[in-house]
Amino acid sequence: MTGLVPPGAPDRDRAAVRRAAAAWSGLVEPGDRTAGTLLLAVGPVAALAWLRAACEPGTRARAVARLRDRLEDAPDELSARRLLAAVDRWGPRLGRIDTDRDALALQRLGGRVLVRGDDAWPTGLDDLGPEAPACLWVRGDPAALAGPPAVALVGARAATSYGTAVAADLACGLADRGHPVVSGGAYGIDAAAHRGALAGDGPTVAVMAGGVDRLYPAGNTDLLERVLVRGGAVVAEVPVGATPTRSRFLRRNRLIAALASATVVVEAAWRSGSLSTASLAAGLLRPVGAVPGPVTSMASTGCHRLLREQDAVCVTSVADVLELLPGGAPSGPGGHGAGTDPQDGLGEAARMVVDGLDARRTSTLDELVPTVGLSAADVLAALGELELAGLVARAAGGWALTVTGRRPAAR
């Protein structure tokens, strides 16, 4: 694809593409399809040179005609009408672009600019096509963007205690299993997801609507700083210094959806912006999950809407989320999801021994044999099976049930 940074390219070429892509990130608003189509067609360096020529007095129409002549079968996004309108949009910002200034500001923050072809470039963004960002401005560890399949956990800012608890639990469980958690750094569900991932000692990625030098919202600055310190990343598609605006908040949702292999809406009202993230994920053919809530809770009506109208998968556990990921195992009977019994698959003798063990104390072999009604050899064999399954452990003078092996109290 034209304009990518090829592996092994000379440093000066990589630097030129990086500078041009960084310039485009400030010239256009996120998701500008005409800009994205142009960059894919001729690359950021040639596109920037063309724009500068088109902005010379009296050359706009001629520059557009030349570009269209150069392109074979130019797509509709590069029609003469759209290119002329685009030059009117982009041209006024040319004089305000200072890539050296922005690069220095990012360097002081310990960040870097990623472009297509970089090792750490998250290839999931390429699925956005013409709406993919020209580059990513990254603070923190870029490896968080290119590791194991990530999960986007999103939801309401005005979250309930139920929603924040579920988000934190899911994020912690995913992080424990090595899956990065992606969210938007906002209050409510986003913040709970980031905190949960940190508690699980795993990386988490926060996608900003403004520049990465403006950790937003300000009330989450400490949290976002911890994300950076703990091996995560804060990313944006706009340069340092860029202001988070309402339209940029809406447009950054496509990045959240594209950076993840699955999106789960934890809690959302009927018209929550999180539903747009779910819709964008579905449009990218990414699995979408939704956490059900109390039927009386207005904070969960958006999740119920997804489950009813958009075929979202019902998510009630980490196992359900893992099932959405590439190669995920079903969480039904025989798996490790909610409703499975840790004693599934045990032989009859092992089940009898589990029933004979006292959950409150250690049991000896001499006690178990008459209690269970099996021979000593059969009880020992069953105990060996239970040890391998992690359901019992040797204790002083005998065996004891582990937490996993204990059945819930009968009701």
Protein backbone atom coordinates (compact mmCIF):
# COMPACT_ATOMS: atom_id res chain seq x y z
CA MET A 1 0.00 0.00 0.00
CA THR A 2 1.40 3.35 -1.00
CA GLY A 3 2.62 5.56 1.81
CA LEU A 4 3.45 2.89 4.35
CA VAL A 5 6.83 2.89 6.05
CA PRO A 6 8.49 -0.25 4.61
CA PRO A 7 10.51 -2.44 6.97
CA GLY A 8 14.19 -1.59 6.68
CA ALA A 9 13.53 1.75 4.97
CA PRO A 10 16.29 4.35 5.35
CA ASP A 11 15.89 6.43 8.50
CA ARG A 12 15.48 9.61 6.47
CA ASP A 13 12.53 8.07 4.60
CA ARG A 14 10.90 6.87 7.80
CA ALA A 15 11.41 10.28 9.35
CA ALA A 16 9.85 11.99 6.34
CA VAL A 17 6.75 9.78 6.45
CA ARG A 18 6.47 10.24 10.21
CA ARG A 19 6.70 14.04 9.95
CA ALA A 20 4.18 14.17 7.13
CA ALA A 21 1.74 11.84 8.91
CA ALA A 22 2.07 13.92 12.09
CA ALA A 23 1.31 17.04 10.04
CA TRP A 24 -1.81 15.44 8.57
CA SER A 25 -3.03 14.53 12.06
CA GLY A 26 -3.22 18.25 12.78
CA LEU A 27 -4.50 19.32 9.36
CA VAL A 28 -7.67 17.25 9.33
CA GLU A 29 -10.35 16.34 11.80
CA PRO A 30 -10.46 12.69 12.91
CA GLY A 31 -12.12 10.35 10.46
CA ASP A 32 -11.90 12.65 7.42
CA ARG A 33 -12.55 10.12 4.64
CA THR A 34 -11.24 12.32 1.85
CA ALA A 35 -7.94 12.80 3.67
CA GLY A 36 -7.72 9.11 4.51
CA THR A 37 -8.37 8.09 0.91
CA LEU A 38 -5.73 10.53 -0.32
CA LEU A 39 -3.13 9.23 2.15
CA LEU A 40 -3.82 5.64 1.16
CA ALA A 41 -3.56 6.56 -2.51
CA VAL A 42 -0.33 8.56 -2.60
CA GLY A 43 1.13 8.46 0.93
CA PRO A 44 1.44 11.27 3.49
CA VAL A 45 4.60 12.83 2.04
CA ALA A 46 3.26 13.23 -1.51
CA ALA A 47 -0.16 14.24 -0.20
CA LEU A 48 1.35 17.02 1.91
CA ALA A 49 3.41 18.31 -1.00
CA TRP A 50 0.29 18.31 -3.17
CA LEU A 51 -1.73 20.24 -0.57
CA ARG A 52 0.95 22.90 -0.28
CA ALA A 53 0.95 23.30 -4.06
CA ALA A 54 -2.85 23.44 -4.17
CA CYS A 55 -2.85 26.24 -1.60
CA GLU A 56 -0.69 28.50 -3.74
CA PRO A 57 -2.76 31.42 -5.12
CA GLY A 58 -4.59 30.52 -8.31
CA THR A 59 -3.44 26.88 -8.42
CA ARG A 60 -6.18 25.04 -6.57
CA ALA A 61 -8.27 23.84 -9.53
CA ARG A 62 -5.19 22.98 -11.59
CA ALA A 63 -3.65 20.99 -8.72
CA VAL A 64 -6.87 19.01 -8.27
CA ALA A 65 -7.00 18.23 -11.99
CA ARG A 66 -3.37 17.07 -11.99
CA LEU A 67 -3.93 14.81 -9.01
CA ARG A 68 -6.97 13.20 -10.60
CA ASP A 69 -5.04 12.66 -13.82
CA ARG A 70 -2.30 10.94 -11.82
CA LEU A 71 -4.73 8.57 -10.13
CA GLU A 72 -6.25 5.77 -12.15
CA ASP A 73 -9.91 5.11 -11.39
CA ALA A 74 -9.97 7.71 -8.62
CA PRO A 75 -12.54 6.76 -5.96
CA ASP A 76 -15.58 8.93 -5.28
CA GLU A 77 -13.91 10.32 -2.16
CA LEU A 78 -11.33 11.96 -4.46
CA SER A 79 -13.81 13.53 -6.87
CA ALA A 80 -12.95 17.04 -8.01
CA ARG A 81 -15.79 18.50 -5.96
CA ARG A 82 -14.69 16.79 -2.76
CA LEU A 83 -11.02 17.63 -3.24
CA LEU A 84 -11.80 21.31 -3.83
CA ALA A 85 -13.91 21.39 -0.68
CA ALA A 86 -11.18 19.55 1.23
CA VAL A 87 -8.52 22.08 0.25
CA ASP A 88 -10.79 24.77 1.66
CA ARG A 89 -10.95 22.82 4.93
CA TRP A 90 -7.30 21.87 5.24
CA GLY A 91 -5.56 24.90 3.77
CA PRO A 92 -6.25 27.36 6.61
CA ARG A 93 -4.47 25.03 9.07
CA LEU A 94 -1.26 24.71 7.05
CA GLY A 95 0.32 27.78 8.59
CA ARG A 96 -0.42 26.54 12.10
CA ILE A 97 1.32 23.17 11.71
CA ASP A 98 4.71 22.96 13.43
CA THR A 99 5.83 19.33 13.51
CA ASP A 100 9.20 20.18 15.10
CA ARG A 101 7.48 21.94 18.00
CA ASP A 102 5.02 19.09 18.49
CA ALA A 103 7.74 16.43 18.24
CA LEU A 104 9.78 18.19 20.90
CA ALA A 105 6.77 18.49 23.20
CA LEU A 106 6.05 14.79 22.78
CA GLN A 107 9.68 13.87 23.33
CA ARG A 108 9.64 15.74 26.65
CA LEU A 109 6.73 13.55 27.68
CA GLY A 110 8.65 10.42 26.71
CA GLY A 111 6.27 9.69 23.85
CA ARG A 112 6.57 8.81 20.20
CA VAL A 113 4.60 8.96 16.95
CA LEU A 114 3.58 5.64 15.41
CA VAL A 115 2.76 5.20 11.71
CA ARG A 116 1.74 2.26 9.59
CA GLY A 117 4.64 -0.12 9.14
CA ASP A 118 6.10 0.44 12.61
CA ASP A 119 6.49 -2.74 14.65
CA ALA A 120 4.23 -1.39 17.37
CA TRP A 121 1.55 -0.10 14.97
CA PRO A 122 -1.77 -1.75 15.95
CA THR A 123 -2.83 -3.33 12.67
CA GLY A 124 -6.46 -3.43 13.78
CA LEU A 125 -6.62 0.27 12.94
CA ASP A 126 -6.09 -0.57 9.27
CA ASP A 127 -9.56 -2.11 9.24
CA LEU A 128 -10.91 1.44 9.45
CA GLY A 129 -9.80 2.00 5.86
CA PRO A 130 -10.06 5.68 4.87
CA GLU A 131 -11.12 6.53 8.42
CA ALA A 132 -7.91 5.18 9.95
CA PRO A 133 -5.75 7.78 11.71
CA ALA A 134 -2.76 9.24 9.87
CA CYS A 135 -0.65 8.35 12.92
CA LEU A 136 -0.89 7.69 16.63
CA TRP A 137 0.60 9.94 19.29
CA VAL A 138 1.63 7.59 22.08
CA ARG A 139 2.76 7.98 25.66
CA GLY A 140 3.74 4.92 27.65
CA ASP A 141 4.66 1.50 26.32
CA PRO A 142 3.69 0.97 22.65
CA ALA A 143 3.86 -2.79 23.27
CA ALA A 144 0.48 -2.47 25.00
CA LEU A 145 -0.98 -1.75 21.55
CA ALA A 146 0.48 -4.74 19.73
CA GLY A 147 0.28 -7.52 22.29
CA PRO A 148 -2.30 -10.28 22.85
CA PRO A 149 -5.92 -9.67 21.75
CA ALA A 150 -7.30 -6.68 23.64
CA VAL A 151 -10.82 -6.09 24.94
CA ALA A 152 -12.61 -2.74 24.95
CA LEU A 153 -14.67 -2.20 28.10
CA VAL A 154 -16.91 0.83 27.76
CA GLY A 155 -19.98 2.28 29.37
CA ALA A 156 -21.68 5.16 31.08
CA ARG A 157 -19.89 8.03 32.78
CA ALA A 158 -22.72 8.24 35.31
CA ALA A 159 -22.23 4.61 36.30
CA THR A 160 -23.79 2.83 39.23
CA SER A 161 -21.88 0.93 41.89
CA TYR A 162 -23.04 -2.27 40.16
CA GLY A 163 -21.60 -1.17 36.82
CA THR A 164 -18.25 -0.03 38.18
CA ALA A 165 -17.86 -3.24 40.20
CA VAL A 166 -18.57 -5.43 37.17
CA ALA A 167 -16.24 -3.39 34.95
CA ALA A 168 -13.41 -3.61 37.46
CA ASP A 169 -13.90 -7.36 37.95
CA LEU A 170 -13.94 -8.07 34.21
CA ALA A 171 -10.87 -5.88 33.60
CA CYS A 172 -8.96 -7.47 36.45
CA GLY A 173 -9.73 -10.97 35.20
CA LEU A 174 -8.73 -10.09 31.63
CA ALA A 175 -5.49 -8.49 32.80
CA ASP A 176 -4.70 -11.56 34.92
CA ARG A 177 -4.93 -13.57 31.71
CA GLY A 178 -2.67 -11.19 29.78
CA HIS A 179 -5.29 -9.37 27.71
CA PRO A 180 -4.92 -5.58 27.51
CA VAL A 181 -8.01 -3.53 28.36
CA VAL A 182 -8.89 -0.57 26.13
CA SER A 183 -11.17 2.27 27.19
CA GLY A 184 -11.54 6.01 26.99
CA GLY A 185 -10.14 7.27 30.30
CA ALA A 186 -13.44 8.92 31.27
CA TYR A 187 -15.28 8.81 34.58
CA GLY A 188 -17.52 5.87 35.42
CA ILE A 189 -17.11 2.59 33.55
CA ASP A 190 -13.94 3.71 31.70
CA ALA A 191 -12.13 4.57 34.91
CA ALA A 192 -13.30 1.36 36.59
CA ALA A 193 -11.98 -0.66 33.64
CA HIS A 194 -8.56 1.00 33.82
CA ARG A 195 -8.40 0.53 37.59
CA GLY A 196 -9.41 -3.11 37.31
CA ALA A 197 -6.70 -3.78 34.73
CA LEU A 198 -4.11 -2.16 36.99
CA ALA A 199 -5.31 -4.31 39.89
CA GLY A 200 -4.83 -7.35 37.67
CA ASP A 201 -1.29 -6.19 36.93
CA GLY A 202 -1.92 -6.00 33.20
CA PRO A 203 -1.56 -3.26 30.59
CA THR A 204 -4.41 -0.93 29.78
CA VAL A 205 -4.79 1.60 26.98
CA ALA A 206 -6.62 4.93 27.34
CA VAL A 207 -7.69 6.64 24.09
CA MET A 208 -7.85 10.41 24.37
CA ALA A 209 -10.08 12.78 22.38
CA GLY A 210 -7.45 15.53 22.70
CA GLY A 211 -3.67 15.60 22.83
CA VAL A 212 -1.80 13.12 25.00
CA ASP A 213 -0.32 16.05 26.93
CA ARG A 214 -3.82 16.90 28.14
CA LEU A 215 -4.86 13.96 30.30
CA TYR A 216 -8.63 14.28 30.30
CA PRO A 217 -10.70 14.48 32.39
CA ALA A 218 -8.45 16.28 34.85
CA GLY A 219 -10.01 14.37 37.72
CA ASN A 220 -8.54 11.14 36.30
CA THR A 221 -5.01 12.51 35.88
CA ASP A 222 -3.61 10.39 38.72
CA LEU A 223 -5.25 7.27 37.27
CA LEU A 224 -3.91 7.94 33.76
CA GLU A 225 -0.44 8.62 35.14
CA ARG A 226 -0.58 5.21 36.84
CA VAL A 227 -1.57 3.66 33.52
CA LEU A 228 1.65 5.07 32.05
CA VAL A 229 3.84 3.98 34.96
CA ARG A 230 2.44 0.45 34.99
CA GLY A 231 3.22 -0.47 31.38
CA GLY A 232 0.09 0.84 29.70
CA ALA A 233 -0.34 3.57 27.12
CA VAL A 234 -2.24 6.80 26.53
CA VAL A 235 -2.87 7.41 22.83
CA ALA A 236 -4.47 9.99 20.55
CA GLU A 237 -4.80 10.63 16.83
CA VAL A 238 -4.48 14.39 17.22
CA PRO A 239 -1.23 16.23 18.06
CA VAL A 240 -0.11 17.37 21.48
CA GLY A 241 -1.94 20.52 22.49
CA ALA A 242 -5.13 19.54 20.63
CA THR A 243 -8.35 20.29 22.50
CA PRO A 244 -10.85 17.51 23.25
CA THR A 245 -14.11 18.53 21.57
CA ARG A 246 -17.51 16.87 21.44
CA SER A 247 -17.01 15.70 17.86
CA ARG A 248 -13.58 14.30 18.69
CA PHE A 249 -15.03 12.33 21.59
CA LEU A 250 -17.51 10.73 19.20
CA ARG A 251 -14.90 10.03 16.54
CA ARG A 252 -12.37 8.49 18.93
CA ASN A 253 -14.88 5.71 19.64
CA ARG A 254 -13.92 4.11 16.33
CA LEU A 255 -10.31 3.84 17.57
CA ILE A 256 -11.43 2.10 20.76
CA ALA A 257 -13.43 -0.38 18.69
CA ALA A 258 -10.60 -0.98 16.20
CA LEU A 259 -7.85 -1.36 18.82
CA ALA A 260 -9.74 -4.24 20.47
CA SER A 261 -10.61 -7.73 19.27
CA ALA A 262 -13.94 -7.53 21.12
CA THR A 263 -16.01 -4.78 22.72
CA VAL A 264 -18.10 -5.19 25.86
CA VAL A 265 -20.61 -2.56 27.00
CA VAL A 266 -20.81 -2.89 30.77
CA GLU A 267 -23.49 -0.33 31.59
CA ALA A 268 -25.19 2.16 29.30
CA ALA A 269 -28.37 4.21 29.16
CA TRP A 270 -30.73 4.12 26.18
CA ARG A 271 -28.82 6.76 24.19
CA SER A 272 -25.35 6.27 25.63
CA GLY A 273 -22.34 7.08 23.45
CA SER A 274 -21.04 3.62 24.31
CA LEU A 275 -23.67 2.19 21.99
CA SER A 276 -21.93 3.93 19.10
CA THR A 277 -18.69 2.15 20.06
CA ALA A 278 -20.57 -1.15 20.00
CA SER A 279 -22.08 -0.31 16.61
CA LEU A 280 -18.66 0.62 15.22
CA ALA A 281 -17.18 -2.62 16.55
CA ALA A 282 -19.95 -4.62 14.90
CA GLY A 283 -19.30 -2.75 11.65
CA LEU A 284 -15.68 -3.89 11.87
CA LEU A 285 -16.91 -7.47 12.36
CA ARG A 286 -15.66 -7.47 15.94
CA PRO A 287 -17.72 -9.41 18.52
CA VAL A 288 -19.85 -7.29 20.84
CA GLY A 289 -20.92 -8.22 24.34
CA ALA A 290 -23.26 -6.54 26.80
CA VAL A 291 -23.61 -6.97 30.54
CA PRO A 292 -27.24 -7.28 31.67
CA GLY A 293 -28.41 -5.24 34.62
CA PRO A 294 -31.52 -4.98 36.76
CA VAL A 295 -34.59 -4.59 34.53
CA THR A 296 -35.58 -1.58 36.64
CA SER A 297 -32.26 0.23 36.13
CA MET A 298 -32.25 3.01 33.54
CA ALA A 299 -28.46 2.73 33.55
CA SER A 300 -28.69 -0.70 31.87
CA THR A 301 -31.37 -0.01 29.26
CA GLY A 302 -28.73 0.49 26.57
CA CYS A 303 -27.19 -2.92 27.30
CA HIS A 304 -30.61 -4.56 27.17
CA ARG A 305 -31.23 -2.77 23.88
CA LEU A 306 -28.01 -4.26 22.46
CA LEU A 307 -29.00 -7.73 23.61
CA ARG A 308 -32.48 -7.43 22.12
CA GLU A 309 -31.88 -5.50 18.90
CA GLN A 310 -28.28 -6.04 17.84
CA ASP A 311 -27.53 -9.66 18.74
CA ALA A 312 -24.90 -8.73 21.31
CA VAL A 313 -23.63 -11.64 23.42
CA CYS A 314 -24.74 -11.71 27.04
CA VAL A 315 -21.66 -11.28 29.24
CA THR A 316 -21.75 -12.25 32.91
CA SER A 317 -18.16 -13.36 33.54
CA VAL A 318 -14.58 -13.14 32.33
CA ALA A 319 -15.07 -16.55 30.71
CA ASP A 320 -17.87 -15.08 28.58
CA VAL A 321 -15.54 -12.31 27.40
CA LEU A 322 -12.74 -14.74 26.60
CA GLU A 323 -15.18 -16.67 24.43
CA LEU A 324 -15.53 -13.56 22.23
CA LEU A 325 -11.80 -13.42 21.49
CA PRO A 326 -10.09 -15.24 18.62
CA GLY A 327 -9.79 -18.89 19.58
CA GLY A 328 -11.93 -18.36 22.67
CA ALA A 329 -13.33 -21.52 24.24
CA PRO A 330 -17.07 -21.81 24.94
CA SER A 331 -18.01 -20.99 28.50
CA GLY A 332 -20.89 -23.45 28.63
CA PRO A 333 -20.88 -26.94 30.16
CA GLY A 334 -17.38 -28.37 30.16
CA GLY A 335 -15.77 -24.93 30.07
CA HIS A 336 -14.87 -22.57 32.89
CA GLY A 337 -17.73 -20.13 32.67
CA ALA A 338 -20.44 -19.28 35.17
CA GLY A 339 -22.59 -22.30 35.93
CA THR A 340 -19.88 -24.94 35.45
CA ASP A 341 -19.01 -27.22 38.34
CA PRO A 342 -15.30 -27.68 39.18
CA GLN A 343 -16.16 -31.32 39.86
CA ASP A 344 -17.39 -31.94 36.31
CA GLY A 345 -15.49 -34.81 34.71
CA LEU A 346 -14.58 -36.55 37.98
CA GLY A 347 -15.00 -40.28 38.35
CA GLU A 348 -17.64 -41.71 40.68
CA ALA A 349 -15.14 -42.65 43.39
CA ALA A 350 -13.65 -39.14 43.37
CA ARG A 351 -17.11 -37.63 43.75
CA MET A 352 -17.82 -39.91 46.68
CA VAL A 353 -14.57 -38.86 48.38
CA VAL A 354 -15.38 -35.17 47.87
CA ASP A 355 -18.74 -35.74 49.54
CA GLY A 356 -17.02 -37.53 52.42
CA LEU A 357 -14.48 -34.78 53.15
CA ASP A 358 -15.31 -32.29 55.88
CA ALA A 359 -15.05 -28.71 54.54
CA ARG A 360 -14.12 -27.43 58.02
CA ARG A 361 -11.15 -29.69 58.86
CA THR A 362 -8.57 -32.19 57.61
CA SER A 363 -9.69 -35.79 57.10
CA THR A 364 -7.42 -38.82 57.48
CA LEU A 365 -7.48 -41.97 55.34
CA ASP A 366 -8.77 -44.00 58.29
CA GLU A 367 -11.72 -41.61 58.64
CA LEU A 368 -12.50 -41.50 54.93
CA VAL A 369 -12.62 -45.25 54.24
CA PRO A 370 -15.64 -46.03 56.48
CA THR A 371 -17.30 -42.69 55.69
CA VAL A 372 -17.15 -43.14 51.93
CA GLY A 373 -17.64 -46.92 51.87
CA LEU A 374 -14.70 -47.64 49.54
CA SER A 375 -11.50 -49.58 50.02
CA ALA A 376 -8.37 -47.76 51.14
CA ALA A 377 -6.80 -48.30 47.70
CA ASP A 378 -9.83 -46.80 45.93
CA VAL A 379 -9.88 -43.81 48.30
CA LEU A 380 -6.16 -43.16 47.74
CA ALA A 381 -6.63 -43.35 43.96
CA ALA A 382 -9.56 -40.93 44.18
CA LEU A 383 -7.54 -38.53 46.33
CA GLY A 384 -4.78 -38.58 43.72
CA GLU A 385 -7.33 -37.65 41.02
CA LEU A 386 -8.67 -34.84 43.20
CA GLU A 387 -5.17 -33.49 43.87
CA LEU A 388 -4.47 -33.31 40.14
CA ALA A 389 -7.77 -31.46 39.65
CA GLY A 390 -6.82 -28.95 42.36
CA LEU A 391 -9.82 -29.87 44.51
CA VAL A 392 -7.97 -31.29 47.52
CA ALA A 393 -4.56 -30.67 49.05
CA ARG A 394 -2.43 -32.64 51.50
CA ALA A 395 -2.57 -31.21 54.99
CA ALA A 396 -1.15 -32.24 58.34
CA GLY A 397 -2.00 -35.91 58.73
CA GLY A 398 -4.53 -36.09 55.90
CA TRP A 399 -6.36 -34.22 53.15
CA ALA A 400 -8.45 -31.05 53.01
CA LEU A 401 -10.76 -29.54 50.42
CA THR A 402 -9.37 -26.51 48.61
CA VAL A 403 -11.55 -23.45 48.04
CA THR A 404 -12.24 -24.69 44.51
CA GLY A 405 -13.37 -28.05 45.80
CA ARG A 406 -15.89 -26.74 48.31
CA ARG A 407 -19.51 -26.85 47.24
CA PRO A 408 -21.78 -23.90 48.06
CA ALA A 409 -23.94 -24.45 51.09
CA ALA A 410 -27.31 -26.07 50.37
CA ARG A 411 -30.33 -23.78 50.53
